[in-house]
């Protein structure tokens, strides 16, 4: 697996600016999908991964609730 260095994405979502840190996680043997942990506004917010050409998210709350 080619390791991707952590990076930041800045998005405007419902009139709020979100800073999203993206960190690639090591795959367990046989998983077959790259997984990334998202840190929205410096909070640990969940995982995303691509499987069969579709991005799937787990455990991600509405990011606007995180900044209120």
PDB file of N, CA and C in Angstrom:
ATOM      1  N   UNK A   1       0.838  -1.171   0.000  1.00  0.00           N
ATOM      2  CA  UNK A   1       0.000   0.000   0.000  1.00  0.00           C
ATOM      3  C   UNK A   1       0.885   1.237   0.000  1.00  0.00           C
ATOM      4  N   UNK A   2       0.577   2.188  -0.847  1.00  0.00           N
ATOM      5  CA  UNK A   2       1.263   3.473  -0.839  1.00  0.00           C
ATOM      6  C   UNK A   2       0.624   4.338   0.237  1.00  0.00           C
ATOM      7  N   UNK A   3       1.413   4.750   1.207  1.00  0.00           N
ATOM      8  CA  UNK A   3       0.918   5.559   2.313  1.00  0.00           C
ATOM      9  C   UNK A   3       0.775   7.012   1.875  1.00  0.00           C
ATOM     10  N   UNK A   4      -0.370   7.617   2.162  1.00  0.00           N
ATOM     11  CA  UNK A   4      -0.630   9.020   1.858  1.00  0.00           C
ATOM     12  C   UNK A   4      -0.401   9.820   3.132  1.00  0.00           C
ATOM     13  N   UNK A   5       0.356  10.901   3.035  1.00  0.00           N
ATOM     14  CA  UNK A   5       0.593  11.764   4.186  1.00  0.00           C
ATOM     15  C   UNK A   5      -0.711  12.454   4.587  1.00  0.00           C
ATOM     16  N   UNK A   6      -0.903  12.716   5.889  1.00  0.00           N
ATOM     17  CA  UNK A   6      -2.105  13.439   6.317  1.00  0.00           C
ATOM     18  C   UNK A   6      -2.211  14.784   5.602  1.00  0.00           C
ATOM     19  N   UNK A   7      -3.452  15.208   5.326  1.00  0.00           N
ATOM     20  CA  UNK A   7      -3.678  16.476   4.650  1.00  0.00           C
ATOM     21  C   UNK A   7      -4.968  17.107   5.166  1.00  0.00           C
ATOM     22  N   UNK A   8      -5.155  18.399   4.850  1.00  0.00           N
ATOM     23  CA  UNK A   8      -6.328  19.150   5.288  1.00  0.00           C
ATOM     24  C   UNK A   8      -7.198  19.524   4.091  1.00  0.00           C
ATOM     25  N   UNK A   9      -8.507  19.540   4.319  1.00  0.00           N
ATOM     26  CA  UNK A   9      -9.488  20.031   3.351  1.00  0.00           C
ATOM     27  C   UNK A   9     -10.312  21.085   4.088  1.00  0.00           C
ATOM     28  N   UNK A  10     -10.570  22.205   3.455  1.00  0.00           N
ATOM     29  CA  UNK A  10     -11.432  23.233   4.042  1.00  0.00           C
ATOM     30  C   UNK A  10     -12.695  23.317   3.184  1.00  0.00           C
ATOM     31  N   UNK A  11     -13.862  23.133   3.832  1.00  0.00           N
ATOM     32  CA  UNK A  11     -15.149  23.159   3.138  1.00  0.00           C
ATOM     33  C   UNK A  11     -16.081  24.154   3.814  1.00  0.00           C
ATOM     34  N   UNK A  12     -16.970  24.744   3.045  1.00  0.00           N
ATOM     35  CA  UNK A  12     -18.070  25.516   3.603  1.00  0.00           C
ATOM     36  C   UNK A  12     -19.300  24.621   3.598  1.00  0.00           C
ATOM     37  N   UNK A  13     -19.891  24.425   4.776  1.00  0.00           N
ATOM     38  CA  UNK A  13     -21.043  23.537   4.939  1.00  0.00           C
ATOM     39  C   UNK A  13     -22.074  24.268   5.782  1.00  0.00           C
ATOM     40  N   UNK A  14     -23.233  24.519   5.220  1.00  0.00           N
ATOM     41  CA  UNK A  14     -24.315  25.229   5.890  1.00  0.00           C
ATOM     42  C   UNK A  14     -23.806  26.519   6.542  1.00  0.00           C
ATOM     43  N   UNK A  15     -23.094  27.314   5.773  1.00  0.00           N
ATOM     44  CA  UNK A  15     -22.569  28.621   6.174  1.00  0.00           C
ATOM     45  C   UNK A  15     -21.505  28.536   7.268  1.00  0.00           C
ATOM     46  N   UNK A  16     -20.908  27.375   7.475  1.00  0.00           N
ATOM     47  CA  UNK A  16     -19.834  27.210   8.450  1.00  0.00           C
ATOM     48  C   UNK A  16     -18.608  26.679   7.722  1.00  0.00           C
ATOM     49  N   UNK A  17     -17.447  27.207   8.073  1.00  0.00           N
ATOM     50  CA  UNK A  17     -16.210  26.695   7.498  1.00  0.00           C
ATOM     51  C   UNK A  17     -15.732  25.510   8.332  1.00  0.00           C
ATOM     52  N   UNK A  18     -15.507  24.396   7.674  1.00  0.00           N
ATOM     53  CA  UNK A  18     -15.036  23.188   8.343  1.00  0.00           C
ATOM     54  C   UNK A  18     -13.617  22.876   7.910  1.00  0.00           C
ATOM     55  N   UNK A  19     -12.738  22.657   8.855  1.00  0.00           N
ATOM     56  CA  UNK A  19     -11.385  22.189   8.572  1.00  0.00           C
ATOM     57  C   UNK A  19     -11.376  20.695   8.826  1.00  0.00           C
ATOM     58  N   UNK A  20     -11.102  19.938   7.775  1.00  0.00           N
ATOM     59  CA  UNK A  20     -11.170  18.483   7.860  1.00  0.00           C
ATOM     60  C   UNK A  20      -9.779  17.914   7.653  1.00  0.00           C
ATOM     61  N   UNK A  21      -9.250  17.291   8.697  1.00  0.00           N
ATOM     62  CA  UNK A  21      -7.982  16.591   8.590  1.00  0.00           C
ATOM     63  C   UNK A  21      -8.245  15.173   8.119  1.00  0.00           C
ATOM     64  N   UNK A  22      -7.467  14.706   7.182  1.00  0.00           N
ATOM     65  CA  UNK A  22      -7.635  13.366   6.618  1.00  0.00           C
ATOM     66  C   UNK A  22      -6.353  12.588   6.863  1.00  0.00           C
ATOM     67  N   UNK A  23      -6.497  11.423   7.492  1.00  0.00           N
ATOM     68  CA  UNK A  23      -5.342  10.591   7.841  1.00  0.00           C
ATOM     69  C   UNK A  23      -5.598   9.165   7.368  1.00  0.00           C
ATOM     70  N   UNK A  24      -4.721   8.650   6.533  1.00  0.00           N
ATOM     71  CA  UNK A  24      -4.884   7.286   6.048  1.00  0.00           C
ATOM     72  C   UNK A  24      -4.518   6.310   7.157  1.00  0.00           C
ATOM     73  N   UNK A  25      -5.323   5.262   7.306  1.00  0.00           N
ATOM     74  CA  UNK A  25      -5.076   4.234   8.303  1.00  0.00           C
ATOM     75  C   UNK A  25      -4.455   3.017   7.645  1.00  0.00           C
ATOM     76  N   UNK A  26      -3.688   2.278   8.420  1.00  0.00           N
ATOM     77  CA  UNK A  26      -3.136   1.017   7.933  1.00  0.00           C
ATOM     78  C   UNK A  26      -4.281   0.031   7.744  1.00  0.00           C
ATOM     79  N   UNK A  27      -4.237  -0.739   6.668  1.00  0.00           N
ATOM     80  CA  UNK A  27      -5.242  -1.776   6.433  1.00  0.00           C
ATOM     81  C   UNK A  27      -4.848  -3.047   7.140  1.00  0.00           C
ATOM     82  N   UNK A  28      -5.862  -3.743   7.681  1.00  0.00           N
ATOM     83  CA  UNK A  28      -5.620  -5.082   8.197  1.00  0.00           C
ATOM     84  C   UNK A  28      -5.515  -6.007   7.000  1.00  0.00           C
ATOM     85  N   UNK A  29      -4.777  -7.090   7.135  1.00  0.00           N
ATOM     86  CA  UNK A  29      -4.611  -8.014   6.012  1.00  0.00           C
ATOM     87  C   UNK A  29      -5.958  -8.459   5.482  1.00  0.00           C
ATOM     88  N   UNK A  30      -6.106  -8.418   4.172  1.00  0.00           N
ATOM     89  CA  UNK A  30      -7.316  -8.922   3.535  1.00  0.00           C
ATOM     90  C   UNK A  30      -8.473  -7.942   3.473  1.00  0.00           C
ATOM     91  N   UNK A  31      -8.345  -6.753   4.081  1.00  0.00           N
ATOM     92  CA  UNK A  31      -9.461  -5.804   4.034  1.00  0.00           C
ATOM     93  C   UNK A  31      -9.718  -5.299   2.625  1.00  0.00           C
ATOM     94  N   UNK A  32      -8.656  -4.959   1.905  1.00  0.00           N
ATOM     95  CA  UNK A  32      -8.792  -4.571   0.511  1.00  0.00           C
ATOM     96  C   UNK A  32      -9.322  -3.183   0.248  1.00  0.00           C
ATOM     97  N   UNK A  33      -9.542  -2.375   1.255  1.00  0.00           N
ATOM     98  CA  UNK A  33     -10.044  -1.015   1.034  1.00  0.00           C
ATOM     99  C   UNK A  33      -9.181  -0.027   1.816  1.00  0.00           C
ATOM    100  N   UNK A  34      -8.813   1.085   1.168  1.00  0.00           N
ATOM    101  CA  UNK A  34      -8.112   2.138   1.892  1.00  0.00           C
ATOM    102  C   UNK A  34      -9.099   2.820   2.829  1.00  0.00           C
ATOM    103  N   UNK A  35      -8.658   3.035   4.068  1.00  0.00           N
ATOM    104  CA  UNK A  35      -9.514   3.672   5.068  1.00  0.00           C
ATOM    105  C   UNK A  35      -8.845   4.964   5.528  1.00  0.00           C
ATOM    106  N   UNK A  36      -9.670   5.964   5.795  1.00  0.00           N
ATOM    107  CA  UNK A  36      -9.181   7.266   6.225  1.00  0.00           C
ATOM    108  C   UNK A  36      -9.970   7.726   7.441  1.00  0.00           C
ATOM    109  N   UNK A  37      -9.269   8.254   8.442  1.00  0.00           N
ATOM    110  CA  UNK A  37      -9.928   8.861   9.598  1.00  0.00           C
ATOM    111  C   UNK A  37     -10.077  10.346   9.317  1.00  0.00           C
ATOM    112  N   UNK A  38     -11.280  10.879   9.603  1.00  0.00           N
ATOM    113  CA  UNK A  38     -11.545  12.299   9.430  1.00  0.00           C
ATOM    114  C   UNK A  38     -11.552  12.973  10.795  1.00  0.00           C
ATOM    115  N   UNK A  39     -10.907  14.127  10.863  1.00  0.00           N
ATOM    116  CA  UNK A  39     -10.921  14.954  12.069  1.00  0.00           C
ATOM    117  C   UNK A  39     -11.550  16.291  11.652  1.00  0.00           C
ATOM    118  N   UNK A  40     -12.812  16.498  12.011  1.00  0.00           N
ATOM    119  CA  UNK A  40     -13.506  17.711  11.608  1.00  0.00           C
ATOM    120  C   UNK A  40     -13.357  18.743  12.722  1.00  0.00           C
ATOM    121  N   UNK A  41     -12.778  19.902  12.369  1.00  0.00           N
ATOM    122  CA  UNK A  41     -12.486  20.962  13.336  1.00  0.00           C
ATOM    123  C   UNK A  41     -11.782  20.396  14.560  1.00  0.00           C
ATOM    124  N   UNK A  42     -10.760  19.574  14.305  1.00  0.00           N
ATOM    125  CA  UNK A  42      -9.885  18.972  15.300  1.00  0.00           C
ATOM    126  C   UNK A  42     -10.583  17.962  16.202  1.00  0.00           C
ATOM    127  N   UNK A  43     -11.771  17.506  15.823  1.00  0.00           N
ATOM    128  CA  UNK A  43     -12.460  16.474  16.584  1.00  0.00           C
ATOM    129  C   UNK A  43     -12.440  15.184  15.782  1.00  0.00           C
ATOM    130  N   UNK A  44     -12.269  14.072  16.465  1.00  0.00           N
ATOM    131  CA  UNK A  44     -12.252  12.776  15.805  1.00  0.00           C
ATOM    132  C   UNK A  44     -13.684  12.440  15.411  1.00  0.00           C
ATOM    133  N   UNK A  45     -13.941  12.318  14.117  1.00  0.00           N
ATOM    134  CA  UNK A  45     -15.316  12.247  13.658  1.00  0.00           C
ATOM    135  C   UNK A  45     -15.725  10.958  12.968  1.00  0.00           C
ATOM    136  N   UNK A  46     -14.804  10.121  12.581  1.00  0.00           N
ATOM    137  CA  UNK A  46     -15.216   8.883  11.945  1.00  0.00           C
ATOM    138  C   UNK A  46     -14.296   8.438  10.838  1.00  0.00           C
ATOM    139  N   UNK A  47     -14.733   7.417  10.121  1.00  0.00           N
ATOM    140  CA  UNK A  47     -13.949   6.797   9.060  1.00  0.00           C
ATOM    141  C   UNK A  47     -14.666   6.915   7.731  1.00  0.00           C
ATOM    142  N   UNK A  48     -13.875   6.989   6.647  1.00  0.00           N
ATOM    143  CA  UNK A  48     -14.411   6.829   5.297  1.00  0.00           C
ATOM    144  C   UNK A  48     -13.550   5.806   4.575  1.00  0.00           C
ATOM    145  N   UNK A  49     -14.160   5.078   3.654  1.00  0.00           N
ATOM    146  CA  UNK A  49     -13.406   4.126   2.843  1.00  0.00           C
ATOM    147  C   UNK A  49     -14.124   3.914   1.526  1.00  0.00           C
ATOM    148  N   UNK A  50     -13.366   3.513   0.530  1.00  0.00           N
ATOM    149  CA  UNK A  50     -13.917   3.262  -0.793  1.00  0.00           C
ATOM    150  C   UNK A  50     -14.025   1.750  -0.992  1.00  0.00           C
ATOM    151  N   UNK A  51     -15.219   1.301  -1.340  1.00  0.00           N
ATOM    152  CA  UNK A  51     -15.456  -0.119  -1.545  1.00  0.00           C
ATOM    153  C   UNK A  51     -16.337  -0.277  -2.777  1.00  0.00           C
ATOM    154  N   UNK A  52     -15.866  -1.038  -3.733  1.00  0.00           N
ATOM    155  CA  UNK A  52     -16.591  -1.288  -4.979  1.00  0.00           C
ATOM    156  C   UNK A  52     -16.968   0.026  -5.676  1.00  0.00           C
ATOM    157  N   UNK A  53     -16.030   0.982  -5.677  1.00  0.00           N
ATOM    158  CA  UNK A  53     -16.228   2.238  -6.382  1.00  0.00           C
ATOM    159  C   UNK A  53     -17.129   3.251  -5.685  1.00  0.00           C
ATOM    160  N   UNK A  54     -17.507   2.991  -4.407  1.00  0.00           N
ATOM    161  CA  UNK A  54     -18.370   3.904  -3.663  1.00  0.00           C
ATOM    162  C   UNK A  54     -17.700   4.275  -2.351  1.00  0.00           C
ATOM    163  N   UNK A  55     -17.800   5.562  -1.961  1.00  0.00           N
ATOM    164  CA  UNK A  55     -17.274   6.008  -0.678  1.00  0.00           C
ATOM    165  C   UNK A  55     -18.326   5.773   0.390  1.00  0.00           C
ATOM    166  N   UNK A  56     -17.894   5.173   1.487  1.00  0.00           N
ATOM    167  CA  UNK A  56     -18.773   4.829   2.603  1.00  0.00           C
ATOM    168  C   UNK A  56     -18.224   5.496   3.855  1.00  0.00           C
ATOM    169  N   UNK A  57     -19.094   6.092   4.655  1.00  0.00           N
ATOM    170  CA  UNK A  57     -18.693   6.754   5.892  1.00  0.00           C
ATOM    171  C   UNK A  57     -19.306   6.029   7.082  1.00  0.00           C
ATOM    172  N   UNK A  58     -18.558   5.977   8.177  1.00  0.00           N
ATOM    173  CA  UNK A  58     -19.078   5.393   9.408  1.00  0.00           C
ATOM    174  C   UNK A  58     -18.836   6.358  10.559  1.00  0.00           C
ATOM    175  N   UNK A  59     -19.763   6.402  11.469  1.00  0.00           N
ATOM    176  CA  UNK A  59     -19.625   7.161  12.717  1.00  0.00           C
ATOM    177  C   UNK A  59     -19.367   8.648  12.516  1.00  0.00           C
ATOM    178  N   UNK A  60     -19.894   9.249  11.457  1.00  0.00           N
ATOM    179  CA  UNK A  60     -19.699  10.672  11.244  1.00  0.00           C
ATOM    180  C   UNK A  60     -21.000  11.398  11.597  1.00  0.00           C
ATOM    181  N   UNK A  61     -20.888  12.306  12.554  1.00  0.00           N
ATOM    182  CA  UNK A  61     -22.034  13.107  12.969  1.00  0.00           C
ATOM    183  C   UNK A  61     -22.146  14.337  12.087  1.00  0.00           C
ATOM    184  N   UNK A  62     -23.293  15.015  12.153  1.00  0.00           N
ATOM    185  CA  UNK A  62     -23.468  16.264  11.424  1.00  0.00           C
ATOM    186  C   UNK A  62     -22.398  17.241  11.892  1.00  0.00           C
ATOM    187  N   UNK A  63     -21.512  17.667  10.995  1.00  0.00           N
ATOM    188  CA  UNK A  63     -20.399  18.519  11.437  1.00  0.00           C
ATOM    189  C   UNK A  63     -20.832  19.868  11.985  1.00  0.00           C
ATOM    190  N   UNK A  64     -22.014  20.390  11.616  1.00  0.00           N
ATOM    191  CA  UNK A  64     -22.464  21.664  12.158  1.00  0.00           C
ATOM    192  C   UNK A  64     -22.731  21.510  13.658  1.00  0.00           C
ATOM    193  N   UNK A  65     -23.217  20.363  14.086  1.00  0.00           N
ATOM    194  CA  UNK A  65     -23.434  20.127  15.517  1.00  0.00           C
ATOM    195  C   UNK A  65     -22.107  20.150  16.274  1.00  0.00           C
ATOM    196  N   UNK A  66     -21.026  19.774  15.625  1.00  0.00           N
ATOM    197  CA  UNK A  66     -19.721  19.749  16.276  1.00  0.00           C
ATOM    198  C   UNK A  66     -19.198  21.144  16.557  1.00  0.00           C
ATOM    199  N   UNK A  67     -19.631  22.145  15.782  1.00  0.00           N
ATOM    200  CA  UNK A  67     -19.061  23.487  15.958  1.00  0.00           C
ATOM    201  C   UNK A  67     -19.977  24.419  16.721  1.00  0.00           C
ATOM    202  N   UNK A  68     -21.104  23.951  17.132  1.00  0.00           N
ATOM    203  CA  UNK A  68     -22.031  24.792  17.918  1.00  0.00           C
ATOM    204  C   UNK A  68     -21.689  24.711  19.379  1.00  0.00           C
TER     205      UNK A  68
END
